[in-house]
C-alpha atoms as a PDB file:
ATOM      1  CA  UNK A   1       0.666  17.674  24.967  1.00  0.00           C
ATOM      2  CA  UNK A   2       1.101  16.601  21.215  1.00  0.00           C
ATOM      3  CA  UNK A   3       4.191  18.384  19.325  1.00  0.00           C
ATOM      4  CA  UNK A   4       3.169  17.869  15.795  1.00  0.00           C
ATOM      5  CA  UNK A   5       0.673  15.044  14.755  1.00  0.00           C
ATOM      6  CA  UNK A   6       0.790  12.313  13.393  1.00  0.00           C
ATOM      7  CA  UNK A   7      -0.801  11.697   9.261  1.00  0.00           C
ATOM      8  CA  UNK A   8      -0.891   8.996   6.668  1.00  0.00           C
ATOM      9  CA  UNK A   9      -0.328  10.430   3.666  1.00  0.00           C
ATOM     10  CA  UNK A  10      -2.974   9.793   0.553  1.00  0.00           C
ATOM     11  CA  UNK A  11      -2.619   9.433  -3.328  1.00  0.00           C
ATOM     12  CA  UNK A  12      -3.971  11.401  -5.346  1.00  0.00           C
ATOM     13  CA  UNK A  13      -7.331   8.694  -5.364  1.00  0.00           C
ATOM     14  CA  UNK A  14      -7.263   8.218  -1.701  1.00  0.00           C
ATOM     15  CA  UNK A  15      -5.734   5.402  -0.991  1.00  0.00           C
ATOM     16  CA  UNK A  16      -3.066   5.662   2.558  1.00  0.00           C
ATOM     17  CA  UNK A  17      -0.177   3.214   1.538  1.00  0.00           C
ATOM     18  CA  UNK A  18       1.189   3.375   5.042  1.00  0.00           C
ATOM     19  CA  UNK A  19      -2.037   2.626   6.989  1.00  0.00           C
ATOM     20  CA  UNK A  20      -1.941  -0.102   4.761  1.00  0.00           C
ATOM     21  CA  UNK A  21       1.215  -0.767   5.202  1.00  0.00           C
ATOM     22  CA  UNK A  22       1.032  -0.666   9.248  1.00  0.00           C
ATOM     23  CA  UNK A  23      -2.438  -3.141   9.245  1.00  0.00           C
ATOM     24  CA  UNK A  24      -0.395  -5.611   7.167  1.00  0.00           C
ATOM     25  CA  UNK A  25       2.845  -5.271  10.621  1.00  0.00           C
ATOM     26  CA  UNK A  26       1.372  -8.613  12.996  1.00  0.00           C
ATOM     27  CA  UNK A  27      -0.236  -6.777  16.124  1.00  0.00           C
ATOM     28  CA  UNK A  28       2.792  -6.995  18.580  1.00  0.00           C
ATOM     29  CA  UNK A  29       5.159  -5.112  15.190  1.00  0.00           C
ATOM     30  CA  UNK A  30       2.541  -2.677  14.914  1.00  0.00           C
ATOM     31  CA  UNK A  31       2.346  -1.800  18.273  1.00  0.00           C
ATOM     32  CA  UNK A  32       6.310  -1.345  18.236  1.00  0.00           C
ATOM     33  CA  UNK A  33       6.113   1.150  15.392  1.00  0.00           C
ATOM     34  CA  UNK A  34       2.854   3.383  16.837  1.00  0.00           C
ATOM     35  CA  UNK A  35       5.037   4.110  20.181  1.00  0.00           C
ATOM     36  CA  UNK A  36       8.420   4.323  18.394  1.00  0.00           C
ATOM     37  CA  UNK A  37       5.628   7.546  16.090  1.00  0.00           C
ATOM     38  CA  UNK A  38       3.488   8.583  19.085  1.00  0.00           C
ATOM     39  CA  UNK A  39       7.506   9.657  21.177  1.00  0.00           C
ATOM     40  CA  UNK A  40       8.220  11.743  17.818  1.00  0.00           C
ATOM     41  CA  UNK A  41       4.526  13.440  17.922  1.00  0.00           C
ATOM     42  CA  UNK A  42       4.928  14.193  22.003  1.00  0.00           C
ATOM     43  CA  UNK A  43       8.439  14.688  22.115  1.00  0.00           C
ATOM     44  CA  UNK A  44       9.243  16.401  18.364  1.00  0.00           C
ATOM     45  CA  UNK A  45      12.183  17.189  17.825  1.00  0.00           C
ATOM     46  CA  UNK A  46      13.311  13.904  18.671  1.00  0.00           C
ATOM     47  CA  UNK A  47      16.587  12.259  18.636  1.00  0.00           C
ATOM     48  CA  UNK A  48      19.036   9.222  18.427  1.00  0.00           C
ATOM     49  CA  UNK A  49      18.294   5.716  18.401  1.00  0.00           C
ATOM     50  CA  UNK A  50      14.294   6.869  17.747  1.00  0.00           C
ATOM     51  CA  UNK A  51      14.605   9.589  15.047  1.00  0.00           C
ATOM     52  CA  UNK A  52      17.480  10.599  12.044  1.00  0.00           C
ATOM     53  CA  UNK A  53      17.196  13.610   9.275  1.00  0.00           C
ATOM     54  CA  UNK A  54      17.602  12.246   5.820  1.00  0.00           C
ATOM     55  CA  UNK A  55      17.893  15.208   4.442  1.00  0.00           C
ATOM     56  CA  UNK A  56      15.732  17.220   1.699  1.00  0.00           C
ATOM     57  CA  UNK A  57      12.732  18.017   4.340  1.00  0.00           C
ATOM     58  CA  UNK A  58      12.718  13.552   5.425  1.00  0.00           C
ATOM     59  CA  UNK A  59      12.904  11.932   8.703  1.00  0.00           C
ATOM     60  CA  UNK A  60      13.290   8.312   9.737  1.00  0.00           C
ATOM     61  CA  UNK A  61      11.210   6.809  13.086  1.00  0.00           C
ATOM     62  CA  UNK A  62      13.784   3.921  13.847  1.00  0.00           C
ATOM     63  CA  UNK A  63      11.566   0.496  14.601  1.00  0.00           C
ATOM     64  CA  UNK A  64      13.329  -2.640  15.977  1.00  0.00           C
ATOM     65  CA  UNK A  65      10.491  -5.433  15.729  1.00  0.00           C
ATOM     66  CA  UNK A  66      10.213  -8.682  14.993  1.00  0.00           C
ATOM     67  CA  UNK A  67      11.436  -9.672  18.291  1.00  0.00           C
ATOM     68  CA  UNK A  68      14.016  -8.169  18.107  1.00  0.00           C
ATOM     69  CA  UNK A  69      15.048  -9.720  14.490  1.00  0.00           C
ATOM     70  CA  UNK A  70      13.981  -6.507  12.162  1.00  0.00           C
ATOM     71  CA  UNK A  71      14.389  -2.444  11.842  1.00  0.00           C
ATOM     72  CA  UNK A  72      11.295  -0.625  10.912  1.00  0.00           C
ATOM     73  CA  UNK A  73      11.776   2.711   9.257  1.00  0.00           C
ATOM     74  CA  UNK A  74       8.557   5.127   8.449  1.00  0.00           C
ATOM     75  CA  UNK A  75       9.759   7.907   6.979  1.00  0.00           C
ATOM     76  CA  UNK A  76       8.140  11.143   6.996  1.00  0.00           C
ATOM     77  CA  UNK A  77       7.881  14.976   6.815  1.00  0.00           C
ATOM     78  CA  UNK A  78       7.305  17.672   8.572  1.00  0.00           C
ATOM     79  CA  UNK A  79       4.781  20.825   7.502  1.00  0.00           C
ATOM     80  CA  UNK A  80       3.722  23.419   9.857  1.00  0.00           C
ATOM     81  CA  UNK A  81       2.242  21.199  13.077  1.00  0.00           C
ATOM     82  CA  UNK A  82       1.668  18.220  11.066  1.00  0.00           C
ATOM     83  CA  UNK A  83       4.324  14.255  10.642  1.00  0.00           C
ATOM     84  CA  UNK A  84       2.801  13.087   6.984  1.00  0.00           C
ATOM     85  CA  UNK A  85       4.219   9.623   7.203  1.00  0.00           C
ATOM     86  CA  UNK A  86       5.246   9.123   3.786  1.00  0.00           C
ATOM     87  CA  UNK A  87       6.683   5.365   3.460  1.00  0.00           C
ATOM     88  CA  UNK A  88       8.190   2.614   5.131  1.00  0.00           C
ATOM     89  CA  UNK A  89       9.453  -0.797   5.227  1.00  0.00           C
ATOM     90  CA  UNK A  90      10.991  -3.249   7.005  1.00  0.00           C
ATOM     91  CA  UNK A  91      14.075  -4.563   6.435  1.00  0.00           C
ATOM     92  CA  UNK A  92      17.272  -3.503   4.958  1.00  0.00           C
ATOM     93  CA  UNK A  93      16.752  -5.071   1.347  1.00  0.00           C
ATOM     94  CA  UNK A  94      14.649  -1.914   0.537  1.00  0.00           C
ATOM     95  CA  UNK A  95      15.426   1.149   1.541  1.00  0.00           C
ATOM     96  CA  UNK A  96      17.076   3.326  -0.443  1.00  0.00           C
ATOM     97  CA  UNK A  97      13.969   2.423  -3.238  1.00  0.00           C
ATOM     98  CA  UNK A  98      11.634   3.429  -0.406  1.00  0.00           C
ATOM     99  CA  UNK A  99      13.412   6.537   0.484  1.00  0.00           C
ATOM    100  CA  UNK A 100      12.677   7.822  -2.425  1.00  0.00           C
ATOM    101  CA  UNK A 101       9.620   7.127  -3.016  1.00  0.00           C
ATOM    102  CA  UNK A 102       9.661   8.775   0.350  1.00  0.00           C
ATOM    103  CA  UNK A 103      10.945  12.015  -2.308  1.00  0.00           C
ATOM    104  CA  UNK A 104       8.287  11.559  -3.794  1.00  0.00           C
ATOM    105  CA  UNK A 105       5.675  11.072  -1.977  1.00  0.00           C
ATOM    106  CA  UNK A 106       6.711  14.406   0.026  1.00  0.00           C
ATOM    107  CA  UNK A 107       7.053  16.187  -3.073  1.00  0.00           C
ATOM    108  CA  UNK A 108       3.121  14.759  -4.285  1.00  0.00           C
ATOM    109  CA  UNK A 109       2.009  16.217  -1.441  1.00  0.00           C
ATOM    110  CA  UNK A 110       3.729  19.935  -1.500  1.00  0.00           C
ATOM    111  CA  UNK A 111       1.966  20.238  -4.985  1.00  0.00           C
ATOM    112  CA  UNK A 112      -0.391  18.807  -4.203  1.00  0.00           C
ATOM    113  CA  UNK A 113      -0.998  20.592  -0.974  1.00  0.00           C
ATOM    114  CA  UNK A 114      -0.251  24.184  -2.596  1.00  0.00           C
ATOM    115  CA  UNK A 115      -3.077  23.281  -5.551  1.00  0.00           C
ATOM    116  CA  UNK A 116      -5.937  23.255  -2.907  1.00  0.00           C
ATOM    117  CA  UNK A 117      -6.738  19.024  -3.950  1.00  0.00           C
ATOM    118  CA  UNK A 118      -6.449  17.457  -1.233  1.00  0.00           C
ATOM    119  CA  UNK A 119      -2.644  15.615  -0.234  1.00  0.00           C
END
């Protein structure tokens, strides 16, 4: 039974950037990331090597893709029973920018949720 349910962050215009990122991955890599997200959904709270806290309510799911050559990271926050998927990337080069983006989206999500707008 799921302990938390993954939900895609939606932009103010209804876009789902994490879903788009996942769909851009090759099928094998998409499956790996999906399995790792499911490990968090069913086993929450989950620790290393799958999941790690980053602070400010932000967590990361680590997935090894591209036949073991690339580390993908999916950043999320938990609200109630929901795992809000906020941002993602593969490789190390964009890690800090993507974490900053995840924090911005988390703030946006909470602001819009509080105002009754879809988030």
